[in-house]
C-alpha atoms as a PDB file:
ATOM      1  CA  UNK A   1    -138.072  42.222  77.748  1.00  0.00           C
ATOM      2  CA  UNK A   2    -139.314  41.065  74.374  1.00  0.00           C
ATOM      3  CA  UNK A   3    -142.601  39.359  73.497  1.00  0.00           C
ATOM      4  CA  UNK A   4    -142.039  35.648  72.848  1.00  0.00           C
ATOM      5  CA  UNK A   5    -144.282  32.958  71.476  1.00  0.00           C
ATOM      6  CA  UNK A   6    -144.961  29.298  72.267  1.00  0.00           C
ATOM      7  CA  UNK A   7    -147.254  26.994  70.327  1.00  0.00           C
ATOM      8  CA  UNK A   8    -148.736  23.516  70.554  1.00  0.00           C
ATOM      9  CA  UNK A   9    -151.101  21.589  68.291  1.00  0.00           C
ATOM     10  CA  UNK A  10    -153.517  19.054  69.738  1.00  0.00           C
ATOM     11  CA  UNK A  11    -155.254  16.547  67.491  1.00  0.00           C
ATOM     12  CA  UNK A  12    -158.793  15.820  68.620  1.00  0.00           C
ATOM     13  CA  UNK A  13    -161.589  13.548  67.386  1.00  0.00           C
ATOM     14  CA  UNK A  14    -164.403  16.108  67.698  1.00  0.00           C
ATOM     15  CA  UNK A  15    -165.498  18.221  64.729  1.00  0.00           C
ATOM     16  CA  UNK A  16    -163.996  21.725  64.727  1.00  0.00           C
ATOM     17  CA  UNK A  17    -167.401  23.492  64.891  1.00  0.00           C
ATOM     18  CA  UNK A  18    -168.584  21.405  67.836  1.00  0.00           C
ATOM     19  CA  UNK A  19    -165.393  21.929  69.846  1.00  0.00           C
ATOM     20  CA  UNK A  20    -165.220  25.672  69.190  1.00  0.00           C
ATOM     21  CA  UNK A  21    -168.888  26.250  69.978  1.00  0.00           C
ATOM     22  CA  UNK A  22    -168.561  24.350  73.266  1.00  0.00           C
ATOM     23  CA  UNK A  23    -165.447  26.195  74.396  1.00  0.00           C
ATOM     24  CA  UNK A  24    -167.039  29.469  73.271  1.00  0.00           C
ATOM     25  CA  UNK A  25    -169.678  28.879  75.941  1.00  0.00           C
ATOM     26  CA  UNK A  26    -167.088  29.369  78.668  1.00  0.00           C
ATOM     27  CA  UNK A  27    -169.490  28.698  81.517  1.00  0.00           C
ATOM     28  CA  UNK A  28    -169.928  25.060  80.280  1.00  0.00           C
ATOM     29  CA  UNK A  29    -166.219  24.162  80.191  1.00  0.00           C
ATOM     30  CA  UNK A  30    -166.039  23.135  83.895  1.00  0.00           C
ATOM     31  CA  UNK A  31    -168.434  20.217  83.348  1.00  0.00           C
ATOM     32  CA  UNK A  32    -166.066  18.794  80.683  1.00  0.00           C
ATOM     33  CA  UNK A  33    -162.741  18.796  82.537  1.00  0.00           C
ATOM     34  CA  UNK A  34    -161.465  18.365  86.066  1.00  0.00           C
ATOM     35  CA  UNK A  35    -158.835  21.017  85.419  1.00  0.00           C
ATOM     36  CA  UNK A  36    -161.423  23.817  85.240  1.00  0.00           C
ATOM     37  CA  UNK A  37    -163.376  23.898  88.487  1.00  0.00           C
ATOM     38  CA  UNK A  38    -165.475  26.963  87.586  1.00  0.00           C
ATOM     39  CA  UNK A  39    -165.820  29.977  85.376  1.00  0.00           C
ATOM     40  CA  UNK A  40    -167.579  33.121  86.623  1.00  0.00           C
ATOM     41  CA  UNK A  41    -168.534  36.165  84.600  1.00  0.00           C
ATOM     42  CA  UNK A  42    -166.989  39.220  86.297  1.00  0.00           C
ATOM     43  CA  UNK A  43    -167.849  41.874  83.728  1.00  0.00           C
ATOM     44  CA  UNK A  44    -169.724  42.050  80.419  1.00  0.00           C
ATOM     45  CA  UNK A  45    -171.676  39.270  78.721  1.00  0.00           C
ATOM     46  CA  UNK A  46    -170.808  35.599  78.184  1.00  0.00           C
ATOM     47  CA  UNK A  47    -168.789  35.039  75.047  1.00  0.00           C
ATOM     48  CA  UNK A  48    -168.489  38.730  74.157  1.00  0.00           C
ATOM     49  CA  UNK A  49    -165.231  40.528  73.372  1.00  0.00           C
ATOM     50  CA  UNK A  50    -164.181  42.699  76.292  1.00  0.00           C
ATOM     51  CA  UNK A  51    -165.898  40.533  78.898  1.00  0.00           C
ATOM     52  CA  UNK A  52    -163.880  39.430  81.918  1.00  0.00           C
ATOM     53  CA  UNK A  53    -164.071  35.936  83.359  1.00  0.00           C
ATOM     54  CA  UNK A  54    -162.621  34.409  86.484  1.00  0.00           C
ATOM     55  CA  UNK A  55    -161.384  30.844  85.893  1.00  0.00           C
ATOM     56  CA  UNK A  56    -161.078  28.506  88.917  1.00  0.00           C
ATOM     57  CA  UNK A  57    -158.427  26.038  87.865  1.00  0.00           C
ATOM     58  CA  UNK A  58    -156.667  22.922  89.100  1.00  0.00           C
ATOM     59  CA  UNK A  59    -153.064  22.999  87.890  1.00  0.00           C
ATOM     60  CA  UNK A  60    -150.318  20.685  89.179  1.00  0.00           C
ATOM     61  CA  UNK A  61    -152.736  19.554  91.897  1.00  0.00           C
ATOM     62  CA  UNK A  62    -153.166  23.126  93.203  1.00  0.00           C
ATOM     63  CA  UNK A  63    -156.252  25.325  93.089  1.00  0.00           C
ATOM     64  CA  UNK A  64    -155.581  28.552  91.222  1.00  0.00           C
ATOM     65  CA  UNK A  65    -157.533  31.428  89.743  1.00  0.00           C
ATOM     66  CA  UNK A  66    -156.993  33.438  86.602  1.00  0.00           C
ATOM     67  CA  UNK A  67    -158.875  36.562  85.607  1.00  0.00           C
ATOM     68  CA  UNK A  68    -158.918  36.842  81.810  1.00  0.00           C
ATOM     69  CA  UNK A  69    -160.420  39.284  79.319  1.00  0.00           C
ATOM     70  CA  UNK A  70    -161.827  37.947  76.059  1.00  0.00           C
ATOM     71  CA  UNK A  71    -159.835  39.716  73.333  1.00  0.00           C
ATOM     72  CA  UNK A  72    -161.374  37.922  70.317  1.00  0.00           C
ATOM     73  CA  UNK A  73    -164.299  35.564  69.690  1.00  0.00           C
ATOM     74  CA  UNK A  74    -164.631  34.666  66.020  1.00  0.00           C
ATOM     75  CA  UNK A  75    -167.085  31.843  65.356  1.00  0.00           C
ATOM     76  CA  UNK A  76    -166.446  31.891  61.630  1.00  0.00           C
ATOM     77  CA  UNK A  77    -162.662  31.446  61.937  1.00  0.00           C
ATOM     78  CA  UNK A  78    -163.082  29.354  65.119  1.00  0.00           C
ATOM     79  CA  UNK A  79    -160.741  31.553  67.152  1.00  0.00           C
ATOM     80  CA  UNK A  80    -160.941  32.589  70.811  1.00  0.00           C
ATOM     81  CA  UNK A  81    -158.359  34.797  72.439  1.00  0.00           C
ATOM     82  CA  UNK A  82    -157.882  35.591  76.136  1.00  0.00           C
ATOM     83  CA  UNK A  83    -155.546  38.047  77.859  1.00  0.00           C
ATOM     84  CA  UNK A  84    -154.514  37.123  81.419  1.00  0.00           C
ATOM     85  CA  UNK A  85    -155.201  40.089  83.716  1.00  0.00           C
ATOM     86  CA  UNK A  86    -154.608  38.590  87.183  1.00  0.00           C
ATOM     87  CA  UNK A  87    -153.426  35.351  88.724  1.00  0.00           C
ATOM     88  CA  UNK A  88    -150.231  33.394  89.443  1.00  0.00           C
ATOM     89  CA  UNK A  89    -148.988  33.720  85.848  1.00  0.00           C
ATOM     90  CA  UNK A  90    -148.880  37.502  86.200  1.00  0.00           C
ATOM     91  CA  UNK A  91    -146.143  37.172  88.825  1.00  0.00           C
ATOM     92  CA  UNK A  92    -143.817  35.685  86.205  1.00  0.00           C
ATOM     93  CA  UNK A  93    -145.031  37.345  83.001  1.00  0.00           C
ATOM     94  CA  UNK A  94    -145.783  40.992  82.249  1.00  0.00           C
ATOM     95  CA  UNK A  95    -148.290  39.918  79.626  1.00  0.00           C
ATOM     96  CA  UNK A  96    -149.856  36.678  78.412  1.00  0.00           C
ATOM     97  CA  UNK A  97    -152.172  36.338  75.427  1.00  0.00           C
ATOM     98  CA  UNK A  98    -153.643  32.857  74.804  1.00  0.00           C
ATOM     99  CA  UNK A  99    -155.149  32.105  71.403  1.00  0.00           C
ATOM    100  CA  UNK A 100    -157.070  28.944  70.539  1.00  0.00           C
ATOM    101  CA  UNK A 101    -157.813  28.182  66.869  1.00  0.00           C
ATOM    102  CA  UNK A 102    -159.699  25.049  65.839  1.00  0.00           C
ATOM    103  CA  UNK A 103    -159.333  23.724  62.303  1.00  0.00           C
ATOM    104  CA  UNK A 104    -160.741  20.663  60.532  1.00  0.00           C
ATOM    105  CA  UNK A 105    -158.150  17.913  60.172  1.00  0.00           C
ATOM    106  CA  UNK A 106    -157.404  17.968  56.451  1.00  0.00           C
ATOM    107  CA  UNK A 107    -157.329  14.480  54.987  1.00  0.00           C
ATOM    108  CA  UNK A 108    -159.083  12.808  57.870  1.00  0.00           C
ATOM    109  CA  UNK A 109    -161.692  12.941  60.625  1.00  0.00           C
ATOM    110  CA  UNK A 110    -161.419  15.133  63.669  1.00  0.00           C
ATOM    111  CA  UNK A 111    -159.748  18.520  64.113  1.00  0.00           C
ATOM    112  CA  UNK A 112    -156.603  20.242  65.247  1.00  0.00           C
ATOM    113  CA  UNK A 113    -156.627  22.703  68.142  1.00  0.00           C
ATOM    114  CA  UNK A 114    -153.778  25.181  67.852  1.00  0.00           C
ATOM    115  CA  UNK A 115    -152.789  26.961  71.054  1.00  0.00           C
ATOM    116  CA  UNK A 116    -150.604  30.005  70.676  1.00  0.00           C
ATOM    117  CA  UNK A 117    -149.284  31.814  73.749  1.00  0.00           C
ATOM    118  CA  UNK A 118    -147.607  35.196  73.373  1.00  0.00           C
ATOM    119  CA  UNK A 119    -145.865  36.278  76.532  1.00  0.00           C
ATOM    120  CA  UNK A 120    -143.368  38.696  77.999  1.00  0.00           C
ATOM    121  CA  UNK A 121    -141.335  37.346  80.893  1.00  0.00           C
ATOM    122  CA  UNK A 122    -140.699  39.627  83.912  1.00  0.00           C
ATOM    123  CA  UNK A 123    -137.095  38.421  83.968  1.00  0.00           C
ATOM    124  CA  UNK A 124    -134.941  36.314  81.692  1.00  0.00           C
ATOM    125  CA  UNK A 125    -134.610  33.791  84.522  1.00  0.00           C
ATOM    126  CA  UNK A 126    -138.346  33.036  84.327  1.00  0.00           C
ATOM    127  CA  UNK A 127    -139.024  29.799  82.413  1.00  0.00           C
ATOM    128  CA  UNK A 128    -140.914  29.708  79.180  1.00  0.00           C
ATOM    129  CA  UNK A 129    -144.573  28.728  79.819  1.00  0.00           C
ATOM    130  CA  UNK A 130    -144.209  24.986  79.042  1.00  0.00           C
ATOM    131  CA  UNK A 131    -146.386  24.048  82.020  1.00  0.00           C
ATOM    132  CA  UNK A 132    -149.135  26.351  80.713  1.00  0.00           C
ATOM    133  CA  UNK A 133    -148.975  24.622  77.306  1.00  0.00           C
ATOM    134  CA  UNK A 134    -149.161  21.200  79.014  1.00  0.00           C
ATOM    135  CA  UNK A 135    -152.202  22.398  80.986  1.00  0.00           C
ATOM    136  CA  UNK A 136    -153.907  23.584  77.803  1.00  0.00           C
ATOM    137  CA  UNK A 137    -153.228  20.234  76.119  1.00  0.00           C
ATOM    138  CA  UNK A 138    -154.735  18.368  79.094  1.00  0.00           C
ATOM    139  CA  UNK A 139    -157.855  20.553  79.128  1.00  0.00           C
ATOM    140  CA  UNK A 140    -158.246  20.189  75.336  1.00  0.00           C
ATOM    141  CA  UNK A 141    -158.073  16.378  75.499  1.00  0.00           C
ATOM    142  CA  UNK A 142    -160.553  16.166  78.352  1.00  0.00           C
ATOM    143  CA  UNK A 143    -163.043  18.492  76.636  1.00  0.00           C
ATOM    144  CA  UNK A 144    -162.682  16.382  73.481  1.00  0.00           C
ATOM    145  CA  UNK A 145    -163.378  13.198  75.459  1.00  0.00           C
ATOM    146  CA  UNK A 146    -166.422  14.818  77.044  1.00  0.00           C
ATOM    147  CA  UNK A 147    -167.834  15.913  73.668  1.00  0.00           C
ATOM    148  CA  UNK A 148    -167.298  12.432  72.219  1.00  0.00           C
ATOM    149  CA  UNK A 149    -169.136  10.855  75.172  1.00  0.00           C
ATOM    150  CA  UNK A 150    -172.099  13.202  74.530  1.00  0.00           C
ATOM    151  CA  UNK A 151    -172.685  11.789  71.012  1.00  0.00           C
END
């Protein structure tokens, strides 16, 4: 199979630096959204490339887990990248690489969160990861709402 790509942009009201710094502190994300029930450090150090985290998620009303390795953490470029190592997604995809980039909204307040998912399906019958993109949009909006309520 071939590596494919799916993208979605989410406009948020929070400043790019604030949003990226918050999400970069992975262990704090569960307090900002009902979709992330927990985040445990399995290996390495919080926020460091190569570290492995276990996400406890609520997706489509079901509890799920995803073990991810941090592939990139660039505070200057406001980019975080995770590779899915284990979890339900790995039954449908040979590889999944999620990249989040936060940019200031040019010409106005707020920011844009760009989610890019590179994936290789196990079979051509497997759907493209639209539900994953919807989940990432929901999490992004809830984290944004949480950050705005903290001001």
